[in-house]
Amino acid sequence: MDYNIDLFYSYYYRNIGI
């Protein structure tokens, strides 16, 4: 479940607007 972290982080970061 570490390969999904990259995707999740990318999506989350984009959602935050950083």
N, C-alpha and C. Protein backbone atom coordinates (compact mmCIF):
# COMPACT_ATOMS: atom_id res chain seq x y z
N MET A 1 0.84 -1.21 0.00
CA MET A 1 0.00 0.00 0.00
C MET A 1 0.87 1.26 0.00
N ASP A 2 2.01 1.14 -0.58
CA ASP A 2 2.92 2.29 -0.63
C ASP A 2 2.94 2.89 -2.04
N TYR A 3 2.52 2.06 -3.01
CA TYR A 3 2.48 2.54 -4.39
C TYR A 3 1.26 3.45 -4.59
N ASN A 4 0.25 3.25 -3.76
CA ASN A 4 -0.96 4.07 -3.84
C ASN A 4 -0.75 5.41 -3.17
N ILE A 5 0.25 5.47 -2.30
CA ILE A 5 0.53 6.71 -1.57
C ILE A 5 0.85 7.83 -2.56
N ASP A 6 1.64 7.52 -3.57
CA ASP A 6 2.02 8.51 -4.57
C ASP A 6 0.79 9.09 -5.24
N LEU A 7 -0.12 8.21 -5.65
CA LEU A 7 -1.34 8.65 -6.32
C LEU A 7 -2.21 9.45 -5.37
N PHE A 8 -2.34 8.96 -4.16
CA PHE A 8 -3.16 9.63 -3.16
C PHE A 8 -2.59 11.00 -2.83
N TYR A 9 -1.29 11.05 -2.65
CA TYR A 9 -0.62 12.31 -2.32
C TYR A 9 -0.82 13.33 -3.43
N SER A 10 -0.64 12.87 -4.65
CA SER A 10 -0.80 13.75 -5.81
C SER A 10 -2.22 14.31 -5.86
N TYR A 11 -3.19 13.44 -5.67
CA TYR A 11 -4.59 13.85 -5.72
C TYR A 11 -4.93 14.76 -4.55
N TYR A 12 -4.46 14.39 -3.37
CA TYR A 12 -4.74 15.17 -2.16
C TYR A 12 -4.10 16.55 -2.26
N TYR A 13 -2.84 16.57 -2.67
CA TYR A 13 -2.13 17.84 -2.79
C TYR A 13 -2.82 18.76 -3.79
N ARG A 14 -3.28 18.17 -4.88
CA ARG A 14 -3.95 18.96 -5.92
C ARG A 14 -5.28 19.48 -5.39
N ASN A 15 -5.92 18.70 -4.53
CA ASN A 15 -7.20 19.08 -3.95
C ASN A 15 -7.02 20.25 -2.99
N ILE A 16 -5.93 20.21 -2.24
CA ILE A 16 -5.65 21.28 -1.27
C ILE A 16 -5.35 22.59 -2.00
N GLY A 17 -4.58 22.46 -3.08
CA GLY A 17 -4.24 23.65 -3.86
C GLY A 17 -2.87 24.18 -3.48
N ILE A 18 -1.97 23.26 -3.14
CA ILE A 18 -0.62 23.68 -2.74
C ILE A 18 0.25 23.86 -3.98
